[in-house]
Amino acid sequence: KTKVRGVRNYNVTQSLQGGGFTNLISELLEYRGYYYLEIPTLISEKTVEKCLANTNNNAFKLDDMVLIPEATQYIANLGTNTLGKSKVYYIARCF
């Protein structure tokens, strides 16, 4: 195994049992007035096809679904335009 300083490898069981740091960050953000948005890992390919067109960005496809690509701007716009909240956050795994 190659070790990279500052990076820790987790197996699936360890990953599913984790969350301590994520929970701490969530509590801090909510204390500061941020609103949590839960987003799915798999979304319809049609949802992101316009965003990915004419870019070098790709989405991992599974039939007609894709693993959600980086969504920070999308979530910020959703919070402001749909929910009327300027302080939103989400937690998602990166693929």
C-alpha atoms as a PDB file:
ATOM      1  CA  LYS A   1       0.000   0.000   0.000  1.00  0.00           C
ATOM      2  CA  THR A   2       1.156   3.503  -0.773  1.00  0.00           C
ATOM      3  CA  LYS A   3       0.772   5.856   2.144  1.00  0.00           C
ATOM      4  CA  VAL A   4      -0.055   9.490   1.506  1.00  0.00           C
ATOM      5  CA  ARG A   5       0.533  11.841   4.389  1.00  0.00           C
ATOM      6  CA  GLY A   6      -2.723  13.266   5.742  1.00  0.00           C
ATOM      7  CA  VAL A   7      -4.921  10.690   3.971  1.00  0.00           C
ATOM      8  CA  ARG A   8      -6.437   7.692   5.677  1.00  0.00           C
ATOM      9  CA  ASN A   9      -7.911   4.726   3.837  1.00  0.00           C
ATOM     10  CA  TYR A  10     -11.190   3.332   5.137  1.00  0.00           C
ATOM     11  CA  ASN A  11     -12.866   0.069   4.255  1.00  0.00           C
ATOM     12  CA  VAL A  12     -16.619  -0.007   3.649  1.00  0.00           C
ATOM     13  CA  THR A  13     -17.504  -0.962   7.236  1.00  0.00           C
ATOM     14  CA  GLN A  14     -15.337   1.824   8.674  1.00  0.00           C
ATOM     15  CA  SER A  15     -16.885   4.336   6.266  1.00  0.00           C
ATOM     16  CA  LEU A  16     -20.428   3.398   7.216  1.00  0.00           C
ATOM     17  CA  GLN A  17     -19.615   3.614  10.934  1.00  0.00           C
ATOM     18  CA  GLY A  18     -17.913   7.001  10.618  1.00  0.00           C
ATOM     19  CA  GLY A  19     -19.466  10.406  10.529  1.00  0.00           C
ATOM     20  CA  GLY A  20     -18.044  11.990  13.662  1.00  0.00           C
ATOM     21  CA  PHE A  21     -16.313  14.804  11.787  1.00  0.00           C
ATOM     22  CA  THR A  22     -19.272  15.259   9.449  1.00  0.00           C
ATOM     23  CA  ASN A  23     -21.634  15.488  12.426  1.00  0.00           C
ATOM     24  CA  LEU A  24     -19.378  18.054  14.102  1.00  0.00           C
ATOM     25  CA  ILE A  25     -19.273  20.234  10.967  1.00  0.00           C
ATOM     26  CA  SER A  26     -23.057  19.930  10.559  1.00  0.00           C
ATOM     27  CA  GLU A  27     -23.667  21.060  14.127  1.00  0.00           C
ATOM     28  CA  LEU A  28     -21.344  24.030  13.657  1.00  0.00           C
ATOM     29  CA  LEU A  29     -23.008  25.100  10.396  1.00  0.00           C
ATOM     30  CA  GLU A  30     -26.526  24.763  11.784  1.00  0.00           C
ATOM     31  CA  TYR A  31     -25.514  26.763  14.862  1.00  0.00           C
ATOM     32  CA  ARG A  32     -24.409  29.508  12.470  1.00  0.00           C
ATOM     33  CA  GLY A  33     -27.778  29.535  10.714  1.00  0.00           C
ATOM     34  CA  TYR A  34     -27.124  27.234   7.751  1.00  0.00           C
ATOM     35  CA  TYR A  35     -29.917  25.030   6.408  1.00  0.00           C
ATOM     36  CA  TYR A  36     -29.111  21.388   5.506  1.00  0.00           C
ATOM     37  CA  LEU A  37     -30.187  20.070   2.115  1.00  0.00           C
ATOM     38  CA  GLU A  38     -30.116  16.347   1.515  1.00  0.00           C
ATOM     39  CA  ILE A  39     -29.242  15.393  -2.027  1.00  0.00           C
ATOM     40  CA  PRO A  40     -29.394  11.971  -3.656  1.00  0.00           C
ATOM     41  CA  THR A  41     -26.315  10.139  -4.865  1.00  0.00           C
ATOM     42  CA  LEU A  42     -28.025   8.932  -8.040  1.00  0.00           C
ATOM     43  CA  ILE A  43     -29.951  11.360 -10.204  1.00  0.00           C
ATOM     44  CA  SER A  44     -31.506  11.300 -13.652  1.00  0.00           C
ATOM     45  CA  GLU A  45     -29.031  11.848 -16.463  1.00  0.00           C
ATOM     46  CA  LYS A  46     -31.415  14.442 -17.931  1.00  0.00           C
ATOM     47  CA  THR A  47     -30.957  16.603 -14.821  1.00  0.00           C
ATOM     48  CA  VAL A  48     -27.293  17.258 -15.576  1.00  0.00           C
ATOM     49  CA  GLU A  49     -26.940  16.750 -19.325  1.00  0.00           C
ATOM     50  CA  LYS A  50     -27.177  20.489 -20.116  1.00  0.00           C
ATOM     51  CA  CYS A  51     -24.605  21.316 -17.431  1.00  0.00           C
ATOM     52  CA  LEU A  52     -22.152  18.792 -18.826  1.00  0.00           C
ATOM     53  CA  ALA A  53     -22.665  19.648 -22.515  1.00  0.00           C
ATOM     54  CA  ASN A  54     -19.676  21.303 -24.205  1.00  0.00           C
ATOM     55  CA  THR A  55     -17.445  20.794 -21.145  1.00  0.00           C
ATOM     56  CA  ASN A  56     -14.724  18.344 -20.238  1.00  0.00           C
ATOM     57  CA  ASN A  57     -16.795  17.246 -17.231  1.00  0.00           C
ATOM     58  CA  ASN A  58     -18.193  13.738 -17.127  1.00  0.00           C
ATOM     59  CA  ALA A  59     -20.739  11.929 -15.034  1.00  0.00           C
ATOM     60  CA  PHE A  60     -20.514   8.235 -14.220  1.00  0.00           C
ATOM     61  CA  LYS A  61     -23.530   6.620 -15.880  1.00  0.00           C
ATOM     62  CA  LEU A  62     -25.587   3.721 -14.580  1.00  0.00           C
ATOM     63  CA  ASP A  63     -28.333   3.049 -17.132  1.00  0.00           C
ATOM     64  CA  ASP A  64     -30.322   6.334 -17.256  1.00  0.00           C
ATOM     65  CA  MET A  65     -28.976   7.483 -13.882  1.00  0.00           C
ATOM     66  CA  VAL A  66     -25.675   9.165 -13.024  1.00  0.00           C
ATOM     67  CA  LEU A  67     -23.690   9.629  -9.852  1.00  0.00           C
ATOM     68  CA  ILE A  68     -24.237  13.252  -8.940  1.00  0.00           C
ATOM     69  CA  PRO A  69     -21.322  15.417 -10.065  1.00  0.00           C
ATOM     70  CA  GLU A  70     -20.004  18.333  -8.005  1.00  0.00           C
ATOM     71  CA  ALA A  71     -23.114  20.287  -7.053  1.00  0.00           C
ATOM     72  CA  THR A  72     -22.053  23.329  -5.026  1.00  0.00           C
ATOM     73  CA  GLN A  73     -23.394  25.998  -7.401  1.00  0.00           C
ATOM     74  CA  TYR A  74     -26.560  24.012  -8.064  1.00  0.00           C
ATOM     75  CA  ILE A  75     -27.252  23.713  -4.322  1.00  0.00           C
ATOM     76  CA  ALA A  76     -26.513  27.408  -3.714  1.00  0.00           C
ATOM     77  CA  ASN A  77     -28.978  28.384  -6.451  1.00  0.00           C
ATOM     78  CA  LEU A  78     -31.587  25.949  -5.143  1.00  0.00           C
ATOM     79  CA  GLY A  79     -31.272  27.390  -1.651  1.00  0.00           C
ATOM     80  CA  THR A  80     -31.595  30.972  -2.797  1.00  0.00           C
ATOM     81  CA  ASN A  81     -34.149  30.665  -5.600  1.00  0.00           C
ATOM     82  CA  THR A  82     -36.370  27.843  -4.351  1.00  0.00           C
ATOM     83  CA  LEU A  83     -36.100  27.933  -0.574  1.00  0.00           C
ATOM     84  CA  GLY A  84     -35.317  31.615  -0.080  1.00  0.00           C
ATOM     85  CA  LYS A  85     -32.308  30.722   2.061  1.00  0.00           C
ATOM     86  CA  SER A  86     -28.873  32.148   1.334  1.00  0.00           C
ATOM     87  CA  LYS A  87     -27.107  29.900   3.862  1.00  0.00           C
ATOM     88  CA  VAL A  88     -27.369  26.268   2.782  1.00  0.00           C
ATOM     89  CA  TYR A  89     -25.030  23.304   2.926  1.00  0.00           C
ATOM     90  CA  TYR A  90     -25.028  19.705   1.795  1.00  0.00           C
ATOM     91  CA  ILE A  91     -22.935  16.647   2.412  1.00  0.00           C
ATOM     92  CA  ALA A  92     -22.223  14.337  -0.489  1.00  0.00           C
ATOM     93  CA  ARG A  93     -19.656  11.789  -1.429  1.00  0.00           C
ATOM     94  CA  CYS A  94     -17.478  12.784  -4.368  1.00  0.00           C
ATOM     95  CA  PHE A  95     -17.211  10.421  -7.326  1.00  0.00           C
END
